[in-house]
């Protein structure tokens, strides 16, 4: 199962890339997360018969749905934080030029 995370602009593309790299480095902690996503997608899960037999299927589905919701929310929060930080830095820089 592969997921393409919404990337409306260049900032979101960078944030998604950084966030997915962070997750991919910790793929062994997630068991079903692939280190390298399928081309054209942001994140890929590899769910085998072994996973469905050893894990509770409902919990696995719930995890993936919650994961998709949280990734979108995290990217939005990071973008808001980045914009606020950039605004603060720009204001601090431009204060030098006010007489």
N, C-alpha and C. Protein backbone atom coordinates (compact mmCIF):
# COMPACT_ATOMS: atom_id res chain seq x y z
N UNK A 1 0.85 -1.15 0.00
CA UNK A 1 0.00 0.00 0.00
C UNK A 1 0.90 1.23 0.00
N UNK A 2 0.66 2.14 -0.93
CA UNK A 2 1.47 3.35 -1.04
C UNK A 2 0.59 4.58 -0.92
N UNK A 3 1.17 5.64 -0.35
CA UNK A 3 0.43 6.88 -0.10
C UNK A 3 1.20 8.04 -0.69
N UNK A 4 0.49 8.92 -1.36
CA UNK A 4 1.07 10.17 -1.87
C UNK A 4 0.54 11.29 -0.98
N UNK A 5 1.44 11.97 -0.26
CA UNK A 5 1.05 13.05 0.64
C UNK A 5 0.86 14.33 -0.16
N UNK A 6 -0.18 15.08 0.18
CA UNK A 6 -0.51 16.33 -0.50
C UNK A 6 0.70 17.28 -0.46
N UNK A 7 1.06 17.80 -1.63
CA UNK A 7 2.19 18.72 -1.75
C UNK A 7 1.77 19.87 -2.65
N UNK A 8 1.11 20.87 -2.05
CA UNK A 8 0.53 21.96 -2.82
C UNK A 8 1.56 22.94 -3.34
N UNK A 9 2.67 23.10 -2.63
CA UNK A 9 3.68 24.06 -3.06
C UNK A 9 5.07 23.52 -2.75
N UNK A 10 6.08 24.33 -3.07
CA UNK A 10 7.46 23.90 -2.91
C UNK A 10 7.82 23.65 -1.45
N UNK A 11 7.30 24.47 -0.56
CA UNK A 11 7.58 24.29 0.87
C UNK A 11 7.05 22.94 1.35
N UNK A 12 5.84 22.61 0.95
CA UNK A 12 5.27 21.32 1.34
C UNK A 12 6.05 20.16 0.74
N UNK A 13 6.56 20.31 -0.46
CA UNK A 13 7.39 19.26 -1.07
C UNK A 13 8.63 19.01 -0.23
N UNK A 14 9.28 20.09 0.21
CA UNK A 14 10.49 19.95 1.03
C UNK A 14 10.15 19.33 2.38
N UNK A 15 9.08 19.80 3.01
CA UNK A 15 8.68 19.26 4.31
C UNK A 15 8.32 17.78 4.22
N UNK A 16 7.58 17.40 3.19
CA UNK A 16 7.21 15.99 3.01
C UNK A 16 8.45 15.15 2.79
N UNK A 17 9.38 15.63 1.99
CA UNK A 17 10.61 14.88 1.73
C UNK A 17 11.40 14.68 3.02
N UNK A 18 11.57 15.73 3.81
CA UNK A 18 12.31 15.63 5.07
C UNK A 18 11.60 14.70 6.06
N UNK A 19 10.28 14.84 6.15
CA UNK A 19 9.50 14.03 7.09
C UNK A 19 9.54 12.55 6.70
N UNK A 20 9.38 12.26 5.42
CA UNK A 20 9.40 10.85 5.00
C UNK A 20 10.80 10.26 5.15
N UNK A 21 11.84 11.05 4.92
CA UNK A 21 13.20 10.55 5.16
C UNK A 21 13.39 10.19 6.63
N UNK A 22 12.87 11.05 7.51
CA UNK A 22 12.94 10.79 8.94
C UNK A 22 12.26 9.46 9.28
N UNK A 23 11.08 9.22 8.72
CA UNK A 23 10.36 7.98 8.99
C UNK A 23 11.06 6.77 8.38
N UNK A 24 11.58 6.92 7.17
CA UNK A 24 12.24 5.81 6.50
C UNK A 24 13.48 5.34 7.26
N UNK A 25 14.17 6.26 7.92
CA UNK A 25 15.34 5.88 8.71
C UNK A 25 14.94 5.04 9.92
N UNK A 26 13.69 5.14 10.33
CA UNK A 26 13.19 4.39 11.47
C UNK A 26 12.18 3.32 11.04
N UNK A 27 12.31 2.84 9.83
CA UNK A 27 11.34 1.89 9.26
C UNK A 27 11.24 0.60 10.07
N UNK A 28 12.34 0.14 10.64
CA UNK A 28 12.28 -1.12 11.39
C UNK A 28 11.40 -1.00 12.64
N UNK A 29 11.19 0.20 13.13
CA UNK A 29 10.31 0.39 14.29
C UNK A 29 8.83 0.26 13.92
N UNK A 30 8.50 0.44 12.65
CA UNK A 30 7.12 0.39 12.19
C UNK A 30 6.72 -0.97 11.63
N UNK A 31 7.66 -1.85 11.39
CA UNK A 31 7.45 -3.21 10.88
C UNK A 31 6.89 -3.27 9.46
N UNK A 32 5.89 -2.48 9.13
CA UNK A 32 5.26 -2.57 7.81
C UNK A 32 5.68 -1.43 6.88
N UNK A 33 6.47 -0.49 7.38
CA UNK A 33 6.89 0.65 6.57
C UNK A 33 8.12 0.28 5.74
N UNK A 34 8.06 0.57 4.45
CA UNK A 34 9.20 0.30 3.57
C UNK A 34 10.22 1.41 3.69
N UNK A 35 11.50 1.07 3.58
CA UNK A 35 12.56 2.08 3.63
C UNK A 35 12.52 2.99 2.42
N UNK A 36 12.21 2.43 1.27
CA UNK A 36 12.15 3.22 0.04
C UNK A 36 10.74 3.09 -0.52
N UNK A 37 10.04 4.21 -0.70
CA UNK A 37 8.67 4.12 -1.21
C UNK A 37 8.63 3.72 -2.69
N UNK A 38 7.49 3.24 -3.11
CA UNK A 38 7.28 2.92 -4.52
C UNK A 38 7.41 4.23 -5.31
N UNK A 39 8.08 4.21 -6.47
CA UNK A 39 8.24 5.45 -7.25
C UNK A 39 6.90 6.14 -7.51
N UNK A 40 6.87 7.45 -7.29
CA UNK A 40 5.66 8.23 -7.49
C UNK A 40 4.84 8.43 -6.22
N UNK A 41 5.26 7.79 -5.12
CA UNK A 41 4.54 7.91 -3.85
C UNK A 41 5.48 8.44 -2.77
N UNK A 42 4.89 8.96 -1.70
CA UNK A 42 5.67 9.52 -0.60
C UNK A 42 6.06 8.45 0.42
N UNK A 43 5.11 7.58 0.75
CA UNK A 43 5.31 6.56 1.78
C UNK A 43 4.71 5.25 1.28
N UNK A 44 5.40 4.15 1.56
CA UNK A 44 4.88 2.83 1.18
C UNK A 44 4.91 1.89 2.37
N UNK A 45 3.87 1.09 2.48
CA UNK A 45 3.78 0.04 3.48
C UNK A 45 3.84 -1.30 2.76
N UNK A 46 4.54 -2.25 3.34
CA UNK A 46 4.58 -3.60 2.79
C UNK A 46 3.91 -4.51 3.81
N UNK A 47 2.71 -4.92 3.50
CA UNK A 47 1.93 -5.76 4.42
C UNK A 47 1.83 -7.14 3.79
N UNK A 48 2.41 -8.11 4.47
CA UNK A 48 2.43 -9.48 3.96
C UNK A 48 1.41 -10.33 4.71
N UNK A 49 1.26 -11.58 4.27
CA UNK A 49 0.38 -12.52 4.97
C UNK A 49 0.83 -12.72 6.41
N UNK A 50 2.14 -12.72 6.61
CA UNK A 50 2.69 -12.89 7.96
C UNK A 50 2.20 -11.76 8.88
N UNK A 51 2.19 -10.54 8.35
CA UNK A 51 1.72 -9.41 9.15
C UNK A 51 0.24 -9.56 9.51
N UNK A 52 -0.56 -9.97 8.54
CA UNK A 52 -2.00 -10.09 8.80
C UNK A 52 -2.31 -11.26 9.74
N UNK A 53 -1.43 -12.27 9.75
CA UNK A 53 -1.63 -13.41 10.65
C UNK A 53 -1.17 -13.12 12.07
N UNK A 54 -0.07 -12.37 12.20
CA UNK A 54 0.49 -12.12 13.53
C UNK A 54 -0.08 -10.86 14.19
N UNK A 55 -0.57 -9.93 13.40
CA UNK A 55 -1.12 -8.69 13.95
C UNK A 55 -2.64 -8.71 13.86
N UNK A 56 -3.26 -7.92 14.69
CA UNK A 56 -4.72 -7.78 14.63
C UNK A 56 -5.04 -6.91 13.42
N UNK A 57 -5.77 -7.47 12.47
CA UNK A 57 -6.04 -6.80 11.20
C UNK A 57 -6.73 -5.46 11.39
N UNK A 58 -7.70 -5.41 12.29
CA UNK A 58 -8.42 -4.15 12.53
C UNK A 58 -7.47 -3.07 13.04
N UNK A 59 -6.55 -3.47 13.93
CA UNK A 59 -5.59 -2.51 14.48
C UNK A 59 -4.61 -2.04 13.40
N UNK A 60 -4.25 -2.94 12.51
CA UNK A 60 -3.35 -2.59 11.40
C UNK A 60 -4.01 -1.57 10.48
N UNK A 61 -5.27 -1.79 10.15
CA UNK A 61 -6.02 -0.85 9.31
C UNK A 61 -6.19 0.48 10.03
N UNK A 62 -6.51 0.41 11.31
CA UNK A 62 -6.66 1.63 12.12
C UNK A 62 -5.36 2.42 12.17
N UNK A 63 -4.23 1.71 12.30
CA UNK A 63 -2.92 2.37 12.32
C UNK A 63 -2.66 3.11 11.02
N UNK A 64 -2.93 2.48 9.89
CA UNK A 64 -2.66 3.11 8.59
C UNK A 64 -3.55 4.33 8.39
N UNK A 65 -4.82 4.23 8.74
CA UNK A 65 -5.73 5.38 8.60
C UNK A 65 -5.29 6.52 9.51
N UNK A 66 -4.98 6.20 10.76
CA UNK A 66 -4.52 7.23 11.70
C UNK A 66 -3.19 7.82 11.23
N UNK A 67 -2.33 6.99 10.69
CA UNK A 67 -1.03 7.44 10.18
C UNK A 67 -1.23 8.46 9.06
N UNK A 68 -2.14 8.17 8.14
CA UNK A 68 -2.40 9.09 7.03
C UNK A 68 -2.92 10.43 7.55
N UNK A 69 -3.83 10.38 8.52
CA UNK A 69 -4.37 11.62 9.09
C UNK A 69 -3.29 12.41 9.80
N UNK A 70 -2.46 11.73 10.58
CA UNK A 70 -1.42 12.40 11.35
C UNK A 70 -0.33 12.99 10.47
N UNK A 71 0.03 12.30 9.39
CA UNK A 71 1.06 12.83 8.49
C UNK A 71 0.59 14.14 7.88
N UNK A 72 -0.64 14.17 7.42
CA UNK A 72 -1.18 15.40 6.83
C UNK A 72 -1.22 16.52 7.87
N UNK A 73 -1.63 16.19 9.09
CA UNK A 73 -1.70 17.19 10.16
C UNK A 73 -0.30 17.69 10.52
N UNK A 74 0.67 16.78 10.62
CA UNK A 74 2.04 17.16 10.96
C UNK A 74 2.64 18.09 9.91
N UNK A 75 2.43 17.78 8.64
CA UNK A 75 2.97 18.62 7.56
C UNK A 75 2.34 20.01 7.64
N UNK A 76 1.04 20.09 7.88
CA UNK A 76 0.37 21.39 8.00
C UNK A 76 0.91 22.18 9.18
N UNK A 77 1.11 21.51 10.32
CA UNK A 77 1.66 22.19 11.50
C UNK A 77 3.08 22.67 11.26
N UNK A 78 3.89 21.84 10.60
CA UNK A 78 5.27 22.25 10.31
C UNK A 78 5.29 23.46 9.39
N UNK A 79 4.38 23.49 8.41
CA UNK A 79 4.33 24.62 7.49
C UNK A 79 3.92 25.90 8.22
N UNK A 80 2.94 25.81 9.11
CA UNK A 80 2.53 26.97 9.90
C UNK A 80 3.67 27.47 10.79
N UNK A 81 4.38 26.55 11.43
CA UNK A 81 5.50 26.91 12.28
C UNK A 81 6.61 27.56 11.46
N UNK A 82 6.89 27.01 10.29
CA UNK A 82 7.92 27.55 9.41
C UNK A 82 7.56 28.96 8.96
N UNK A 83 6.31 29.18 8.59
CA UNK A 83 5.87 30.52 8.17
C UNK A 83 5.96 31.52 9.32
N UNK A 84 5.58 31.11 10.52
CA UNK A 84 5.66 32.00 11.68
C UNK A 84 7.11 32.35 12.00
N UNK A 85 7.97 31.37 11.92
CA UNK A 85 9.39 31.60 12.18
C UNK A 85 10.01 32.51 11.12
N UNK A 86 9.64 32.31 9.87
CA UNK A 86 10.15 33.16 8.79
C UNK A 86 9.65 34.59 8.96
N UNK A 87 8.39 34.76 9.36
CA UNK A 87 7.84 36.10 9.59
C UNK A 87 8.60 36.79 10.72
N UNK A 88 8.86 36.08 11.81
CA UNK A 88 9.59 36.64 12.95
C UNK A 88 11.01 37.04 12.52
N UNK A 89 11.69 36.18 11.76
CA UNK A 89 13.04 36.49 11.30
C UNK A 89 13.05 37.70 10.38
N UNK A 90 12.07 37.79 9.49
CA UNK A 90 12.00 38.93 8.57
C UNK A 90 11.73 40.22 9.33
N UNK A 91 10.84 40.18 10.32
CA UNK A 91 10.56 41.38 11.11
C UNK A 91 11.79 41.82 11.89
N UNK A 92 12.51 40.87 12.47
CA UNK A 92 13.72 41.20 13.23
C UNK A 92 14.78 41.81 12.31
N UNK A 93 14.90 41.28 11.11
CA UNK A 93 15.88 41.81 10.16
C UNK A 93 15.49 43.20 9.69
N UNK A 94 14.22 43.42 9.39
CA UNK A 94 13.76 44.71 8.86
C UNK A 94 13.73 45.81 9.92
N UNK A 95 13.75 45.45 11.20
CA UNK A 95 13.79 46.47 12.26
C UNK A 95 15.07 47.30 12.19
N UNK A 96 16.11 46.76 11.63
CA UNK A 96 17.38 47.48 11.49
C UNK A 96 17.22 48.73 10.63
N UNK A 97 16.31 48.69 9.70
CA UNK A 97 16.17 49.76 8.72
C UNK A 97 15.15 50.82 9.12
N UNK A 98 14.49 50.65 10.26
CA UNK A 98 13.52 51.63 10.74
C UNK A 98 14.26 52.66 11.57
N UNK A 99 14.05 53.96 11.25
CA UNK A 99 14.75 55.03 11.98
C UNK A 99 13.94 55.54 13.11
